[in-house]
Amino acid sequence: MRVYAPRVAIEYFDAAFAIVIDSTDHVPRHLQSTAVLDLDLMRLGVPPADFERYSWEVFAEQRR
């Protein structure tokens, strides 16, 4: 039995898990993955200075 949050339906966790797995190779297999994958790649289309700033923010977040 899996217990994460007692009042949250397991379907939400299953969906989140599927979306994370889809993000590893950017192939949407889950209905809601497309939106998440689009958001994930959105940063590639920003101006270079914004991309640089965002990259440093991600690096800093990962170091916490």
PDB file of N, CA and C in Angstrom:
ATOM      1  N   MET A   1       0.834  -1.180   0.000  1.00  0.00           N
ATOM      2  CA  MET A   1       0.000   0.000   0.000  1.00  0.00           C
ATOM      3  C   MET A   1       0.878   1.241   0.000  1.00  0.00           C
ATOM      4  N   ARG A   2       0.551   2.183  -0.891  1.00  0.00           N
ATOM      5  CA  ARG A   2       1.296   3.434  -0.960  1.00  0.00           C
ATOM      6  C   ARG A   2       0.536   4.519  -0.217  1.00  0.00           C
ATOM      7  N   VAL A   3       1.233   5.242   0.654  1.00  0.00           N
ATOM      8  CA  VAL A   3       0.607   6.337   1.387  1.00  0.00           C
ATOM      9  C   VAL A   3       1.491   7.571   1.242  1.00  0.00           C
ATOM     10  N   TYR A   4       0.941   8.619   0.648  1.00  0.00           N
ATOM     11  CA  TYR A   4       1.682   9.866   0.465  1.00  0.00           C
ATOM     12  C   TYR A   4       1.012  11.007   1.214  1.00  0.00           C
ATOM     13  N   ALA A   5      -0.264  11.180   0.963  1.00  0.00           N
ATOM     14  CA  ALA A   5      -1.067  12.200   1.628  1.00  0.00           C
ATOM     15  C   ALA A   5      -2.456  11.583   1.781  1.00  0.00           C
ATOM     16  N   PRO A   6      -2.898  11.392   2.982  1.00  0.00           N
ATOM     17  CA  PRO A   6      -4.101  10.601   3.212  1.00  0.00           C
ATOM     18  C   PRO A   6      -5.367  11.091   2.519  1.00  0.00           C
ATOM     19  N   ARG A   7      -5.477  12.389   2.266  1.00  0.00           N
ATOM     20  CA  ARG A   7      -6.711  12.891   1.665  1.00  0.00           C
ATOM     21  C   ARG A   7      -6.562  13.209   0.175  1.00  0.00           C
ATOM     22  N   VAL A   8      -5.485  12.805  -0.434  1.00  0.00           N
ATOM     23  CA  VAL A   8      -5.267  13.050  -1.862  1.00  0.00           C
ATOM     24  C   VAL A   8      -5.416  11.727  -2.600  1.00  0.00           C
ATOM     25  N   ALA A   9      -6.243  11.742  -3.629  1.00  0.00           N
ATOM     26  CA  ALA A   9      -6.485  10.519  -4.402  1.00  0.00           C
ATOM     27  C   ALA A   9      -5.199  10.046  -5.082  1.00  0.00           C
ATOM     28  N   ILE A  10      -4.992   8.759  -5.079  1.00  0.00           N
ATOM     29  CA  ILE A  10      -3.776   8.165  -5.664  1.00  0.00           C
ATOM     30  C   ILE A  10      -3.642   8.502  -7.146  1.00  0.00           C
ATOM     31  N   GLU A  11      -4.760   8.771  -7.816  1.00  0.00           N
ATOM     32  CA  GLU A  11      -4.714   9.116  -9.242  1.00  0.00           C
ATOM     33  C   GLU A  11      -3.874  10.362  -9.499  1.00  0.00           C
ATOM     34  N   TYR A  12      -3.886  11.307  -8.558  1.00  0.00           N
ATOM     35  CA  TYR A  12      -3.076  12.517  -8.721  1.00  0.00           C
ATOM     36  C   TYR A  12      -1.585  12.181  -8.678  1.00  0.00           C
ATOM     37  N   PHE A  13      -1.216  11.298  -7.794  1.00  0.00           N
ATOM     38  CA  PHE A  13       0.191  10.894  -7.713  1.00  0.00           C
ATOM     39  C   PHE A  13       0.599  10.083  -8.935  1.00  0.00           C
ATOM     40  N   ASP A  14      -0.290   9.222  -9.383  1.00  0.00           N
ATOM     41  CA  ASP A  14       0.006   8.434 -10.584  1.00  0.00           C
ATOM     42  C   ASP A  14       0.184   9.345 -11.791  1.00  0.00           C
ATOM     43  N   ALA A  15      -0.665  10.372 -11.918  1.00  0.00           N
ATOM     44  CA  ALA A  15      -0.549  11.310 -13.036  1.00  0.00           C
ATOM     45  C   ALA A  15       0.759  12.091 -12.944  1.00  0.00           C
ATOM     46  N   ALA A  16       1.090  12.576 -11.765  1.00  0.00           N
ATOM     47  CA  ALA A  16       2.340  13.322 -11.594  1.00  0.00           C
ATOM     48  C   ALA A  16       3.541  12.451 -11.921  1.00  0.00           C
ATOM     49  N   PHE A  17       3.517  11.220 -11.472  1.00  0.00           N
ATOM     50  CA  PHE A  17       4.606  10.286 -11.769  1.00  0.00           C
ATOM     51  C   PHE A  17       4.734  10.080 -13.270  1.00  0.00           C
ATOM     52  N   ALA A  18       3.620   9.880 -13.956  1.00  0.00           N
ATOM     53  CA  ALA A  18       3.650   9.660 -15.407  1.00  0.00           C
ATOM     54  C   ALA A  18       4.212  10.881 -16.140  1.00  0.00           C
ATOM     55  N   ILE A  19       3.846  12.070 -15.694  1.00  0.00           N
ATOM     56  CA  ILE A  19       4.343  13.290 -16.335  1.00  0.00           C
ATOM     57  C   ILE A  19       5.850  13.417 -16.141  1.00  0.00           C
ATOM     58  N   VAL A  20       6.333  13.135 -14.954  1.00  0.00           N
ATOM     59  CA  VAL A  20       7.778  13.201 -14.698  1.00  0.00           C
ATOM     60  C   VAL A  20       8.512  12.189 -15.577  1.00  0.00           C
ATOM     61  N   ILE A  21       7.991  10.983 -15.676  1.00  0.00           N
ATOM     62  CA  ILE A  21       8.616   9.965 -16.522  1.00  0.00           C
ATOM     63  C   ILE A  21       8.628  10.426 -17.983  1.00  0.00           C
ATOM     64  N   ASP A  22       7.527  11.011 -18.452  1.00  0.00           N
ATOM     65  CA  ASP A  22       7.474  11.503 -19.831  1.00  0.00           C
ATOM     66  C   ASP A  22       8.501  12.608 -20.071  1.00  0.00           C
ATOM     67  N   SER A  23       8.840  13.367 -19.036  1.00  0.00           N
ATOM     68  CA  SER A  23       9.802  14.459 -19.212  1.00  0.00           C
ATOM     69  C   SER A  23      11.228  13.954 -19.418  1.00  0.00           C
ATOM     70  N   THR A  24      11.483  12.696 -19.127  1.00  0.00           N
ATOM     71  CA  THR A  24      12.848  12.193 -19.304  1.00  0.00           C
ATOM     72  C   THR A  24      13.242  12.084 -20.769  1.00  0.00           C
ATOM     73  N   ASP A  25      12.264  11.799 -21.634  1.00  0.00           N
ATOM     74  CA  ASP A  25      12.591  11.724 -23.066  1.00  0.00           C
ATOM     75  C   ASP A  25      11.696  12.625 -23.918  1.00  0.00           C
ATOM     76  N   HIS A  26      10.912  13.464 -23.247  1.00  0.00           N
ATOM     77  CA  HIS A  26      10.024  14.436 -23.911  1.00  0.00           C
ATOM     78  C   HIS A  26       9.075  13.786 -24.904  1.00  0.00           C
ATOM     79  N   VAL A  27       8.537  12.639 -24.516  1.00  0.00           N
ATOM     80  CA  VAL A  27       7.506  11.957 -25.301  1.00  0.00           C
ATOM     81  C   VAL A  27       6.247  11.912 -24.442  1.00  0.00           C
ATOM     82  N   PRO A  28       5.196  12.660 -24.837  1.00  0.00           N
ATOM     83  CA  PRO A  28       3.983  12.697 -24.021  1.00  0.00           C
ATOM     84  C   PRO A  28       3.149  11.425 -24.163  1.00  0.00           C
ATOM     85  N   ARG A  29       3.135  10.631 -23.123  1.00  0.00           N
ATOM     86  CA  ARG A  29       2.318   9.419 -23.103  1.00  0.00           C
ATOM     87  C   ARG A  29       1.081   9.612 -22.234  1.00  0.00           C
ATOM     88  N   HIS A  30       1.132  10.567 -21.336  1.00  0.00           N
ATOM     89  CA  HIS A  30       0.025  10.880 -20.445  1.00  0.00           C
ATOM     90  C   HIS A  30      -0.713  12.101 -21.008  1.00  0.00           C
ATOM     91  N   LEU A  31      -2.012  12.143 -20.819  1.00  0.00           N
ATOM     92  CA  LEU A  31      -2.845  13.208 -21.367  1.00  0.00           C
ATOM     93  C   LEU A  31      -2.342  14.606 -21.004  1.00  0.00           C
ATOM     94  N   GLN A  32      -1.888  14.799 -19.792  1.00  0.00           N
ATOM     95  CA  GLN A  32      -1.464  16.126 -19.346  1.00  0.00           C
ATOM     96  C   GLN A  32       0.021  16.397 -19.560  1.00  0.00           C
ATOM     97  N   SER A  33       0.740  15.476 -20.112  1.00  0.00           N
ATOM     98  CA  SER A  33       2.182  15.657 -20.303  1.00  0.00           C
ATOM     99  C   SER A  33       2.510  16.724 -21.336  1.00  0.00           C
ATOM    100  N   THR A  34       1.714  16.860 -22.365  1.00  0.00           N
ATOM    101  CA  THR A  34       2.024  17.805 -23.440  1.00  0.00           C
ATOM    102  C   THR A  34       2.213  19.212 -22.907  1.00  0.00           C
ATOM    103  N   ALA A  35       1.314  19.667 -22.063  1.00  0.00           N
ATOM    104  CA  ALA A  35       1.430  21.026 -21.516  1.00  0.00           C
ATOM    105  C   ALA A  35       2.698  21.175 -20.689  1.00  0.00           C
ATOM    106  N   VAL A  36       3.008  20.188 -19.883  1.00  0.00           N
ATOM    107  CA  VAL A  36       4.203  20.253 -19.042  1.00  0.00           C
ATOM    108  C   VAL A  36       5.466  20.228 -19.900  1.00  0.00           C
ATOM    109  N   LEU A  37       5.493  19.389 -20.914  1.00  0.00           N
ATOM    110  CA  LEU A  37       6.666  19.317 -21.786  1.00  0.00           C
ATOM    111  C   LEU A  37       6.845  20.617 -22.560  1.00  0.00           C
ATOM    112  N   ASP A  38       5.754  21.227 -23.010  1.00  0.00           N
ATOM    113  CA  ASP A  38       5.850  22.520 -23.691  1.00  0.00           C
ATOM    114  C   ASP A  38       6.431  23.576 -22.761  1.00  0.00           C
ATOM    115  N   LEU A  39       5.971  23.601 -21.523  1.00  0.00           N
ATOM    116  CA  LEU A  39       6.497  24.564 -20.554  1.00  0.00           C
ATOM    117  C   LEU A  39       7.974  24.313 -20.279  1.00  0.00           C
ATOM    118  N   ASP A  40       8.349  23.046 -20.250  1.00  0.00           N
ATOM    119  CA  ASP A  40       9.737  22.678 -19.993  1.00  0.00           C
ATOM    120  C   ASP A  40      10.659  23.205 -21.088  1.00  0.00           C
ATOM    121  N   LEU A  41      10.214  23.157 -22.333  1.00  0.00           N
ATOM    122  CA  LEU A  41      11.041  23.595 -23.460  1.00  0.00           C
ATOM    123  C   LEU A  41      10.889  25.077 -23.784  1.00  0.00           C
ATOM    124  N   MET A  42       9.911  25.733 -23.176  1.00  0.00           N
ATOM    125  CA  MET A  42       9.638  27.131 -23.466  1.00  0.00           C
ATOM    126  C   MET A  42      10.866  28.011 -23.274  1.00  0.00           C
ATOM    127  N   ARG A  43      11.669  27.708 -22.299  1.00  0.00           N
ATOM    128  CA  ARG A  43      12.850  28.532 -21.993  1.00  0.00           C
ATOM    129  C   ARG A  43      13.867  28.570 -23.133  1.00  0.00           C
ATOM    130  N   LEU A  44      13.827  27.613 -24.013  1.00  0.00           N
ATOM    131  CA  LEU A  44      14.787  27.611 -25.121  1.00  0.00           C
ATOM    132  C   LEU A  44      14.519  28.734 -26.113  1.00  0.00           C
ATOM    133  N   GLY A  45      13.313  29.311 -26.099  1.00  0.00           N
ATOM    134  CA  GLY A  45      12.958  30.356 -27.046  1.00  0.00           C
ATOM    135  C   GLY A  45      13.091  31.770 -26.514  1.00  0.00           C
ATOM    136  N   VAL A  46      13.660  31.945 -25.348  1.00  0.00           N
ATOM    137  CA  VAL A  46      13.794  33.286 -24.775  1.00  0.00           C
ATOM    138  C   VAL A  46      15.104  33.921 -25.215  1.00  0.00           C
ATOM    139  N   PRO A  47      15.234  35.237 -25.071  1.00  0.00           N
ATOM    140  CA  PRO A  47      16.492  35.901 -25.394  1.00  0.00           C
ATOM    141  C   PRO A  47      17.648  35.323 -24.559  1.00  0.00           C
ATOM    142  N   PRO A  48      18.868  35.365 -25.110  1.00  0.00           N
ATOM    143  CA  PRO A  48      20.024  34.767 -24.423  1.00  0.00           C
ATOM    144  C   PRO A  48      20.223  35.232 -22.981  1.00  0.00           C
ATOM    145  N   ALA A  49      20.035  36.502 -22.704  1.00  0.00           N
ATOM    146  CA  ALA A  49      20.248  37.000 -21.337  1.00  0.00           C
ATOM    147  C   ALA A  49      19.229  36.379 -20.373  1.00  0.00           C
ATOM    148  N   ASP A  50      17.992  36.235 -20.818  1.00  0.00           N
ATOM    149  CA  ASP A  50      16.971  35.597 -19.980  1.00  0.00           C
ATOM    150  C   ASP A  50      17.280  34.119 -19.770  1.00  0.00           C
ATOM    151  N   PHE A  51      17.747  33.475 -20.814  1.00  0.00           N
ATOM    152  CA  PHE A  51      18.099  32.058 -20.709  1.00  0.00           C
ATOM    153  C   PHE A  51      19.243  31.871 -19.714  1.00  0.00           C
ATOM    154  N   GLU A  52      20.225  32.727 -19.784  1.00  0.00           N
ATOM    155  CA  GLU A  52      21.370  32.668 -18.865  1.00  0.00           C
ATOM    156  C   GLU A  52      20.918  32.858 -17.420  1.00  0.00           C
ATOM    157  N   ARG A  53      20.074  33.865 -17.185  1.00  0.00           N
ATOM    158  CA  ARG A  53      19.565  34.133 -15.841  1.00  0.00           C
ATOM    159  C   ARG A  53      18.770  32.945 -15.327  1.00  0.00           C
ATOM    160  N   TYR A  54      17.907  32.416 -16.159  1.00  0.00           N
ATOM    161  CA  TYR A  54      17.092  31.273 -15.764  1.00  0.00           C
ATOM    162  C   TYR A  54      17.988  30.064 -15.451  1.00  0.00           C
ATOM    163  N   SER A  55      18.994  29.834 -16.260  1.00  0.00           N
ATOM    164  CA  SER A  55      19.902  28.707 -16.030  1.00  0.00           C
ATOM    165  C   SER A  55      20.584  28.818 -14.678  1.00  0.00           C
ATOM    166  N   TRP A  56      21.050  30.021 -14.339  1.00  0.00           N
ATOM    167  CA  TRP A  56      21.693  30.209 -13.039  1.00  0.00           C
ATOM    168  C   TRP A  56      20.712  29.998 -11.892  1.00  0.00           C
ATOM    169  N   GLU A  57      19.464  30.398 -12.093  1.00  0.00           N
ATOM    170  CA  GLU A  57      18.445  30.169 -11.064  1.00  0.00           C
ATOM    171  C   GLU A  57      18.199  28.677 -10.848  1.00  0.00           C
ATOM    172  N   VAL A  58      18.178  27.927 -11.936  1.00  0.00           N
ATOM    173  CA  VAL A  58      17.996  26.473 -11.829  1.00  0.00           C
ATOM    174  C   VAL A  58      19.185  25.840 -11.118  1.00  0.00           C
ATOM    175  N   PHE A  59      20.394  26.243 -11.492  1.00  0.00           N
ATOM    176  CA  PHE A  59      21.592  25.702 -10.842  1.00  0.00           C
ATOM    177  C   PHE A  59      21.565  25.990  -9.341  1.00  0.00           C
ATOM    178  N   ALA A  60      21.204  27.232  -8.981  1.00  0.00           N
ATOM    179  CA  ALA A  60      21.155  27.607  -7.555  1.00  0.00           C
ATOM    180  C   ALA A  60      20.095  26.785  -6.820  1.00  0.00           C
ATOM    181  N   GLU A  61      18.963  26.557  -7.461  1.00  0.00           N
ATOM    182  CA  GLU A  61      17.913  25.766  -6.831  1.00  0.00           C
ATOM    183  C   GLU A  61      18.371  24.321  -6.602  1.00  0.00           C
ATOM    184  N   GLN A  62      19.100  23.763  -7.537  1.00  0.00           N
ATOM    185  CA  GLN A  62      19.565  22.383  -7.414  1.00  0.00           C
ATOM    186  C   GLN A  62      20.616  22.206  -6.324  1.00  0.00           C
ATOM    187  N   ARG A  63      21.317  23.277  -5.968  1.00  0.00           N
ATOM    188  CA  ARG A  63      22.351  23.206  -4.937  1.00  0.00           C
ATOM    189  C   ARG A  63      21.789  23.231  -3.525  1.00  0.00           C
ATOM    190  N   ARG A  64      20.515  23.541  -3.368  1.00  0.00           N
ATOM    191  CA  ARG A  64      19.922  23.640  -2.028  1.00  0.00           C
ATOM    192  C   ARG A  64      19.759  22.289  -1.407  1.00  0.00           C
TER     193      ARG A  64
END
